[in-house]
Structure formats: structure tokens, C-alpha cells
PDB file of N, CA and C in Angstrom:
ATOM      1  N   MET A   1     -27.221 -23.367  -4.118  1.00  0.00           N
ATOM      2  CA  MET A   1     -27.117 -21.915  -4.462  1.00  0.00           C
ATOM      3  C   MET A   1     -26.804 -20.950  -3.288  1.00  0.00           C
ATOM      4  N   THR A   2     -27.421 -21.232  -2.288  1.00  0.00           N
ATOM      5  CA  THR A   2     -27.079 -20.433  -1.019  1.00  0.00           C
ATOM      6  C   THR A   2     -25.687 -20.570  -0.579  1.00  0.00           C
ATOM      7  N   ARG A   3     -25.329 -21.871  -0.720  1.00  0.00           N
ATOM      8  CA  ARG A   3     -23.815 -22.215  -0.313  1.00  0.00           C
ATOM      9  C   ARG A   3     -22.874 -21.572  -1.190  1.00  0.00           C
ATOM     10  N   THR A   4     -23.162 -21.482  -2.452  1.00  0.00           N
ATOM     11  CA  THR A   4     -22.231 -20.873  -3.551  1.00  0.00           C
ATOM     12  C   THR A   4     -22.114 -19.278  -3.093  1.00  0.00           C
ATOM     13  N   LEU A   5     -23.279 -18.780  -2.758  1.00  0.00           N
ATOM     14  CA  LEU A   5     -23.257 -17.319  -2.443  1.00  0.00           C
ATOM     15  C   LEU A   5     -22.409 -17.064  -1.225  1.00  0.00           C
ATOM     16  N   PHE A   6     -22.609 -17.874  -0.161  1.00  0.00           N
ATOM     17  CA  PHE A   6     -21.912 -17.789   0.982  1.00  0.00           C
ATOM     18  C   PHE A   6     -20.446 -17.851   0.719  1.00  0.00           C
ATOM     19  N   ILE A   7     -19.961 -18.870  -0.108  1.00  0.00           N
ATOM     20  CA  ILE A   7     -18.534 -19.016  -0.324  1.00  0.00           C
ATOM     21  C   ILE A   7     -18.042 -17.832  -0.975  1.00  0.00           C
ATOM     22  N   ILE A   8     -18.820 -17.174  -2.088  1.00  0.00           N
ATOM     23  CA  ILE A   8     -18.372 -16.013  -2.798  1.00  0.00           C
ATOM     24  C   ILE A   8     -18.200 -14.829  -1.819  1.00  0.00           C
ATOM     25  N   LEU A   9     -19.170 -14.635  -0.934  1.00  0.00           N
ATOM     26  CA  LEU A   9     -19.123 -13.552   0.077  1.00  0.00           C
ATOM     27  C   LEU A   9     -17.934 -13.770   0.973  1.00  0.00           C
ATOM     28  N   ALA A  10     -17.653 -14.884   1.469  1.00  0.00           N
ATOM     29  CA  ALA A  10     -16.511 -15.135   2.305  1.00  0.00           C
ATOM     30  C   ALA A  10     -15.230 -14.920   1.652  1.00  0.00           C
ATOM     31  N   LEU A  11     -15.161 -15.250   0.352  1.00  0.00           N
ATOM     32  CA  LEU A  11     -13.848 -14.954  -0.418  1.00  0.00           C
ATOM     33  C   LEU A  11     -13.766 -13.345  -0.516  1.00  0.00           C
ATOM     34  N   LEU A  12     -14.792 -12.656  -0.943  1.00  0.00           N
ATOM     35  CA  LEU A  12     -14.639 -11.294  -0.925  1.00  0.00           C
ATOM     36  C   LEU A  12     -14.360 -10.640   0.264  1.00  0.00           C
ATOM     37  N   SER A  13     -14.823 -11.140   1.433  1.00  0.00           N
ATOM     38  CA  SER A  13     -14.523 -10.485   2.721  1.00  0.00           C
ATOM     39  C   SER A  13     -13.031 -10.771   2.987  1.00  0.00           C
ATOM     40  N   SER A  14     -12.528 -11.881   2.563  1.00  0.00           N
ATOM     41  CA  SER A  14     -11.137 -12.195   2.860  1.00  0.00           C
ATOM     42  C   SER A  14     -10.149 -11.401   2.095  1.00  0.00           C
ATOM     43  N   LEU A  15     -10.674 -11.054   0.873  1.00  0.00           N
ATOM     44  CA  LEU A  15      -9.749 -10.185   0.065  1.00  0.00           C
ATOM     45  C   LEU A  15      -9.756  -8.735   0.629  1.00  0.00           C
ATOM     46  N   THR A  16     -10.853  -8.230   1.123  1.00  0.00           N
ATOM     47  CA  THR A  16     -10.907  -7.013   1.777  1.00  0.00           C
ATOM     48  C   THR A  16     -10.111  -6.960   3.002  1.00  0.00           C
ATOM     49  N   LEU A  17     -10.220  -8.097   3.938  1.00  0.00           N
ATOM     50  CA  LEU A  17      -9.391  -8.093   4.986  1.00  0.00           C
ATOM     51  C   LEU A  17      -7.963  -8.148   4.556  1.00  0.00           C
ATOM     52  N   SER A  18      -7.472  -8.882   3.605  1.00  0.00           N
ATOM     53  CA  SER A  18      -6.172  -9.053   3.259  1.00  0.00           C
ATOM     54  C   SER A  18      -5.660  -7.635   2.799  1.00  0.00           C
ATOM     55  N   ALA A  19      -6.321  -6.789   2.068  1.00  0.00           N
ATOM     56  CA  ALA A  19      -5.849  -5.492   1.678  1.00  0.00           C
ATOM     57  C   ALA A  19      -5.599  -4.652   2.975  1.00  0.00           C
ATOM     58  N   ARG A  20      -6.496  -4.688   3.937  1.00  0.00           N
ATOM     59  CA  ARG A  20      -6.211  -3.952   5.196  1.00  0.00           C
ATOM     60  C   ARG A  20      -5.088  -4.526   5.923  1.00  0.00           C
ATOM     61  N   THR A  21      -4.886  -5.808   5.898  1.00  0.00           N
ATOM     62  CA  THR A  21      -3.763  -6.336   6.481  1.00  0.00           C
ATOM     63  C   THR A  21      -2.369  -6.074   5.821  1.00  0.00           C
ATOM     64  N   THR A  22      -2.468  -5.921   4.553  1.00  0.00           N
ATOM     65  CA  THR A  22      -1.273  -5.536   3.773  1.00  0.00           C
ATOM     66  C   THR A  22      -0.826  -4.054   4.114  1.00  0.00           C
ATOM     67  N   LYS A  23      -1.884  -3.198   4.306  1.00  0.00           N
ATOM     68  CA  LYS A  23      -1.589  -1.740   4.618  1.00  0.00           C
ATOM     69  C   LYS A  23      -1.059  -1.676   6.009  1.00  0.00           C
ATOM     70  N   ALA A  24      -1.687  -2.538   6.974  1.00  0.00           N
ATOM     71  CA  ALA A  24      -1.025  -2.648   8.399  1.00  0.00           C
ATOM     72  C   ALA A  24       0.340  -3.200   8.263  1.00  0.00           C
ATOM     73  N   GLU A  25       0.641  -4.125   7.468  1.00  0.00           N
ATOM     74  CA  GLU A  25       1.875  -4.621   7.360  1.00  0.00           C
ATOM     75  C   GLU A  25       2.877  -3.652   6.817  1.00  0.00           C
ATOM     76  N   ALA A  26       2.518  -3.040   5.822  1.00  0.00           N
ATOM     77  CA  ALA A  26       3.301  -1.834   5.265  1.00  0.00           C
ATOM     78  C   ALA A  26       3.687  -0.838   6.231  1.00  0.00           C
ATOM     79  N   ASP A  27       2.714  -0.287   6.879  1.00  0.00           N
ATOM     80  CA  ASP A  27       2.885   0.570   8.158  1.00  0.00           C
ATOM     81  C   ASP A  27       3.864  -0.027   9.265  1.00  0.00           C
ATOM     82  N   THR A  28       3.787  -1.254   9.541  1.00  0.00           N
ATOM     83  CA  THR A  28       4.528  -1.805  10.426  1.00  0.00           C
ATOM     84  C   THR A  28       5.928  -1.866  10.003  1.00  0.00           C
ATOM     85  N   LEU A  29       6.213  -2.266   8.701  1.00  0.00           N
ATOM     86  CA  LEU A  29       7.536  -2.220   8.160  1.00  0.00           C
ATOM     87  C   LEU A  29       8.103  -0.762   8.132  1.00  0.00           C
ATOM     88  N   TYR A  30       7.315   0.135   7.831  1.00  0.00           N
ATOM     89  CA  TYR A  30       7.809   1.423   7.842  1.00  0.00           C
ATOM     90  C   TYR A  30       8.139   2.005   9.314  1.00  0.00           C
ATOM     91  N   SER A  31       7.443   1.687  10.281  1.00  0.00           N
ATOM     92  CA  SER A  31       7.601   2.098  11.691  1.00  0.00           C
ATOM     93  C   SER A  31       8.798   1.276  12.222  1.00  0.00           C
ATOM     94  N   GLN A  32       9.098   0.093  11.618  1.00  0.00           N
ATOM     95  CA  GLN A  32      10.282  -0.587  12.112  1.00  0.00           C
ATOM     96  C   GLN A  32      11.576  -0.366  11.212  1.00  0.00           C
ATOM     97  N   HIS A  33      11.445   0.835  10.413  1.00  0.00           N
ATOM     98  CA  HIS A  33      12.588   1.203   9.610  1.00  0.00           C
ATOM     99  C   HIS A  33      12.996   0.188   8.510  1.00  0.00           C
ATOM    100  N   HIS A  34      12.042  -0.569   8.077  1.00  0.00           N
ATOM    101  CA  HIS A  34      12.400  -1.531   6.909  1.00  0.00           C
ATOM    102  C   HIS A  34      11.772  -0.737   5.640  1.00  0.00           C
ATOM    103  N   TYR A  35      12.422   0.368   5.190  1.00  0.00           N
ATOM    104  CA  TYR A  35      11.947   1.267   4.221  1.00  0.00           C
ATOM    105  C   TYR A  35      11.711   0.545   2.885  1.00  0.00           C
ATOM    106  N   ALA A  36      12.729  -0.218   2.442  1.00  0.00           N
ATOM    107  CA  ALA A  36      12.607  -0.961   1.115  1.00  0.00           C
ATOM    108  C   ALA A  36      11.549  -1.850   1.066  1.00  0.00           C
ATOM    109  N   GLU A  37      11.369  -2.503   2.114  1.00  0.00           N
ATOM    110  CA  GLU A  37      10.241  -3.625   2.146  1.00  0.00           C
ATOM    111  C   GLU A  37       8.861  -2.927   2.148  1.00  0.00           C
ATOM    112  N   ALA A  38       8.759  -1.756   3.089  1.00  0.00           N
ATOM    113  CA  ALA A  38       7.637  -0.939   2.909  1.00  0.00           C
ATOM    114  C   ALA A  38       7.309  -0.363   1.719  1.00  0.00           C
ATOM    115  N   ALA A  39       8.338   0.122   1.039  1.00  0.00           N
ATOM    116  CA  ALA A  39       8.018   0.761  -0.321  1.00  0.00           C
ATOM    117  C   ALA A  39       7.456  -0.214  -1.310  1.00  0.00           C
ATOM    118  N   LYS A  40       7.802  -1.424  -1.196  1.00  0.00           N
ATOM    119  CA  LYS A  40       7.318  -2.615  -2.063  1.00  0.00           C
ATOM    120  C   LYS A  40       5.908  -2.886  -1.653  1.00  0.00           C
ATOM    121  N   ALA A  41       5.630  -2.810  -0.431  1.00  0.00           N
ATOM    122  CA  ALA A  41       4.309  -3.049   0.021  1.00  0.00           C
ATOM    123  C   ALA A  41       3.334  -1.889  -0.399  1.00  0.00           C
ATOM    124  N   TYR A  42       3.756  -0.743  -0.195  1.00  0.00           N
ATOM    125  CA  TYR A  42       2.962   0.317  -0.627  1.00  0.00           C
ATOM    126  C   TYR A  42       2.745   0.461  -2.128  1.00  0.00           C
ATOM    127  N   SER A  43       3.857   0.005  -2.801  1.00  0.00           N
ATOM    128  CA  SER A  43       3.708  -0.036  -4.391  1.00  0.00           C
ATOM    129  C   SER A  43       2.710  -1.037  -4.685  1.00  0.00           C
ATOM    130  N   GLU A  44       2.449  -2.206  -4.089  1.00  0.00           N
ATOM    131  CA  GLU A  44       1.526  -3.205  -4.318  1.00  0.00           C
ATOM    132  C   GLU A  44       0.143  -2.691  -4.153  1.00  0.00           C
ATOM    133  N   LEU A  45      -0.055  -1.944  -2.892  1.00  0.00           N
ATOM    134  CA  LEU A  45      -1.318  -1.337  -2.681  1.00  0.00           C
ATOM    135  C   LEU A  45      -1.601  -0.191  -3.630  1.00  0.00           C
ATOM    136  N   LEU A  46      -0.734   0.531  -4.259  1.00  0.00           N
ATOM    137  CA  LEU A  46      -1.056   1.582  -5.218  1.00  0.00           C
ATOM    138  C   LEU A  46      -1.588   0.977  -6.492  1.00  0.00           C
ATOM    139  N   LYS A  47      -1.329  -0.379  -6.725  1.00  0.00           N
ATOM    140  CA  LYS A  47      -1.905  -0.906  -7.951  1.00  0.00           C
ATOM    141  C   LYS A  47      -3.238  -0.943  -7.888  1.00  0.00           C
ATOM    142  N   GLY A  48      -3.797  -1.139  -6.756  1.00  0.00           N
ATOM    143  CA  GLY A  48      -5.304  -1.167  -6.575  1.00  0.00           C
ATOM    144  C   GLY A  48      -5.814   0.188  -6.250  1.00  0.00           C
ATOM    145  N   HIS A  49      -5.065   1.141  -5.764  1.00  0.00           N
ATOM    146  CA  HIS A  49      -5.564   2.415  -5.438  1.00  0.00           C
ATOM    147  C   HIS A  49      -4.557   3.406  -5.903  1.00  0.00           C
ATOM    148  N   PRO A  50      -4.356   3.709  -7.075  1.00  0.00           N
ATOM    149  CA  PRO A  50      -3.437   4.619  -7.750  1.00  0.00           C
ATOM    150  C   PRO A  50      -3.534   6.051  -7.419  1.00  0.00           C
ATOM    151  N   HIS A  51      -4.662   6.568  -6.784  1.00  0.00           N
ATOM    152  CA  HIS A  51      -4.781   7.903  -6.548  1.00  0.00           C
ATOM    153  C   HIS A  51      -4.827   8.078  -4.914  1.00  0.00           C
ATOM    154  N   ASP A  52      -4.571   7.114  -4.328  1.00  0.00           N
ATOM    155  CA  ASP A  52      -4.537   7.259  -2.703  1.00  0.00           C
ATOM    156  C   ASP A  52      -3.395   8.162  -2.209  1.00  0.00           C
ATOM    157  N   VAL A  53      -3.902   9.192  -1.682  1.00  0.00           N
ATOM    158  CA  VAL A  53      -2.878  10.340  -1.196  1.00  0.00           C
ATOM    159  C   VAL A  53      -1.957   9.772  -0.183  1.00  0.00           C
ATOM    160  N   GLN A  54      -2.581   9.039   0.739  1.00  0.00           N
ATOM    161  CA  GLN A  54      -1.708   8.466   1.886  1.00  0.00           C
ATOM    162  C   GLN A  54      -0.812   7.538   1.380  1.00  0.00           C
ATOM    163  N   LEU A  55      -1.175   6.661   0.559  1.00  0.00           N
ATOM    164  CA  LEU A  55       0.014   5.652  -0.037  1.00  0.00           C
ATOM    165  C   LEU A  55       1.081   6.362  -0.835  1.00  0.00           C
ATOM    166  N   LEU A  56       0.611   7.391  -1.643  1.00  0.00           N
ATOM    167  CA  LEU A  56       1.622   8.181  -2.417  1.00  0.00           C
ATOM    168  C   LEU A  56       2.573   8.843  -1.386  1.00  0.00           C
ATOM    169  N   TYR A  57       2.076   9.445  -0.348  1.00  0.00           N
ATOM    170  CA  TYR A  57       2.899  10.164   0.679  1.00  0.00           C
ATOM    171  C   TYR A  57       3.860   9.198   1.389  1.00  0.00           C
ATOM    172  N   ASN A  58       3.224   8.012   1.742  1.00  0.00           N
ATOM    173  CA  ASN A  58       3.932   7.011   2.525  1.00  0.00           C
ATOM    174  C   ASN A  58       5.187   6.383   1.627  1.00  0.00           C
ATOM    175  N   ILE A  59       4.894   6.164   0.327  1.00  0.00           N
ATOM    176  CA  ILE A  59       5.973   5.601  -0.532  1.00  0.00           C
ATOM    177  C   ILE A  59       6.988   6.582  -0.743  1.00  0.00           C
ATOM    178  N   GLY A  60       6.628   7.957  -0.869  1.00  0.00           N
ATOM    179  CA  GLY A  60       7.645   8.983  -1.071  1.00  0.00           C
ATOM    180  C   GLY A  60       8.511   9.194   0.168  1.00  0.00           C
ATOM    181  N   ASN A  61       7.880   8.891   1.284  1.00  0.00           N
ATOM    182  CA  ASN A  61       8.745   8.981   2.571  1.00  0.00           C
ATOM    183  C   ASN A  61       9.717   7.774   2.610  1.00  0.00           C
ATOM    184  N   CYS A  62       9.272   6.604   2.139  1.00  0.00           N
ATOM    185  CA  CYS A  62      10.197   5.429   2.244  1.00  0.00           C
ATOM    186  C   CYS A  62      11.409   5.738   1.316  1.00  0.00           C
ATOM    187  N   TYR A  63      11.101   6.299   0.162  1.00  0.00           N
ATOM    188  CA  TYR A  63      12.240   6.625  -0.632  1.00  0.00           C
ATOM    189  C   TYR A  63      13.099   7.553  -0.166  1.00  0.00           C
ATOM    190  N   TYR A  64      12.541   8.583   0.416  1.00  0.00           N
ATOM    191  CA  TYR A  64      13.254   9.696   1.091  1.00  0.00           C
ATOM    192  C   TYR A  64      14.122   9.128   2.129  1.00  0.00           C
ATOM    193  N   ARG A  65      13.682   8.256   2.975  1.00  0.00           N
ATOM    194  CA  ARG A  65      14.391   7.649   4.113  1.00  0.00           C
ATOM    195  C   ARG A  65      15.588   6.764   3.456  1.00  0.00           C
ATOM    196  N   LEU A  66      15.274   6.157   2.293  1.00  0.00           N
ATOM    197  CA  LEU A  66      16.412   5.377   1.644  1.00  0.00           C
ATOM    198  C   LEU A  66      17.342   6.325   0.969  1.00  0.00           C
ATOM    199  N   LYS A  67      17.205   7.646   1.052  1.00  0.00           N
ATOM    200  CA  LYS A  67      18.005   8.558   0.292  1.00  0.00           C
ATOM    201  C   LYS A  67      18.033   8.397  -1.267  1.00  0.00           C
ATOM    202  N   ASP A  68      16.762   7.963  -1.696  1.00  0.00           N
ATOM    203  CA  ASP A  68      16.544   7.752  -3.191  1.00  0.00           C
ATOM    204  C   ASP A  68      15.588   9.002  -3.421  1.00  0.00           C
ATOM    205  N   ILE A  69      16.233  10.143  -3.659  1.00  0.00           N
ATOM    206  CA  ILE A  69      15.339  11.327  -3.654  1.00  0.00           C
ATOM    207  C   ILE A  69      14.685  11.460  -4.977  1.00  0.00           C
ATOM    208  N   PRO A  70      15.379  11.107  -6.070  1.00  0.00           N
ATOM    209  CA  PRO A  70      14.417  11.083  -7.344  1.00  0.00           C
ATOM    210  C   PRO A  70      13.319  10.184  -7.314  1.00  0.00           C
ATOM    211  N   HIS A  71      13.250   9.063  -6.811  1.00  0.00           N
ATOM    212  CA  HIS A  71      12.104   8.247  -6.740  1.00  0.00           C
ATOM    213  C   HIS A  71      11.081   8.810  -5.674  1.00  0.00           C
ATOM    214  N   ALA A  72      11.620   9.475  -4.575  1.00  0.00           N
ATOM    215  CA  ALA A  72      10.764  10.131  -3.620  1.00  0.00           C
ATOM    216  C   ALA A  72       9.998  11.266  -4.243  1.00  0.00           C
ATOM    217  N   ILE A  73      10.774  12.073  -5.234  1.00  0.00           N
ATOM    218  CA  ILE A  73      10.050  13.151  -5.860  1.00  0.00           C
ATOM    219  C   ILE A  73       8.985  12.622  -6.761  1.00  0.00           C
ATOM    220  N   LEU A  74       9.293  11.572  -7.559  1.00  0.00           N
ATOM    221  CA  LEU A  74       8.214  11.045  -8.474  1.00  0.00           C
ATOM    222  C   LEU A  74       7.107  10.422  -7.740  1.00  0.00           C
ATOM    223  N   ALA A  75       7.329   9.902  -6.576  1.00  0.00           N
ATOM    224  CA  ALA A  75       6.258   9.234  -5.845  1.00  0.00           C
ATOM    225  C   ALA A  75       5.270  10.286  -5.425  1.00  0.00           C
ATOM    226  N   ILE A  76       5.748  11.546  -4.898  1.00  0.00           N
ATOM    227  CA  ILE A  76       4.856  12.381  -4.451  1.00  0.00           C
ATOM    228  C   ILE A  76       4.397  13.455  -5.344  1.00  0.00           C
ATOM    229  N   GLN A  77       4.928  13.397  -6.662  1.00  0.00           N
ATOM    230  CA  GLN A  77       4.528  14.346  -7.697  1.00  0.00           C
ATOM    231  C   GLN A  77       3.184  14.372  -7.895  1.00  0.00           C
ATOM    232  N   PRO A  78       2.364  13.288  -7.902  1.00  0.00           N
ATOM    233  CA  PRO A  78       0.848  13.570  -8.215  1.00  0.00           C
ATOM    234  C   PRO A  78       0.200  14.314  -7.093  1.00  0.00           C
ATOM    235  N   LEU A  79       0.843  14.413  -5.960  1.00  0.00           N
ATOM    236  CA  LEU A  79       0.148  15.254  -4.784  1.00  0.00           C
ATOM    237  C   LEU A  79       0.271  16.580  -5.161  1.00  0.00           C
ATOM    238  N   ASN A  80       1.165  17.056  -6.094  1.00  0.00           N
ATOM    239  CA  ASN A  80       1.170  18.685  -6.307  1.00  0.00           C
ATOM    240  C   ASN A  80       0.735  18.764  -7.890  1.00  0.00           C
ATOM    241  N   PRO A  81      -0.577  19.180  -7.843  1.00  0.00           N
ATOM    242  CA  PRO A  81      -1.131  19.342  -9.260  1.00  0.00           C
ATOM    243  C   PRO A  81      -0.614  20.290 -10.109  1.00  0.00           C
TER     244      PRO A  81
END
């Protein structure tokens, strides 16, 4: 029983770490000017956190840098109530 609990906790910890790593990877992609890949990474993160202001802003910036203004506006629209 204790071993099973330990395994479950370890898996949950790795999922949390994975989410942080994914955010860090998205930020790295953005800083390296890989805007399309960063937009995909931010979109994946938004699935788990659809109201995260920073993610919405970041994906909007990715689309803006890609000169995809319609998607940029749609991405940041939830930021303007």
C-alpha cells in the first residue's frame, strides 16, 4: 500500500514538473524566435489553464510576430473584458 502511494505521488510530481518544463520550453522557443513552435506549446498549455493571462498574452505575441494578426487578436481578446 505504501509503495503504491509512493508511486502515485511520484507520477503526480513528474506531471507537475513536466508542465513547468513545457512552459520553460515554450518560453525558450519564443526567445529563440521560433514563434510557430512556441505558439503550439502555449496552445497546449492553455488546454490545462484556459484563463492564464500570461499564456494568452504570450500566444498573442507569437501570432503577432508571425504576422498573423487575426489570430493574435483572437488570442488576446479574453484579456479585454
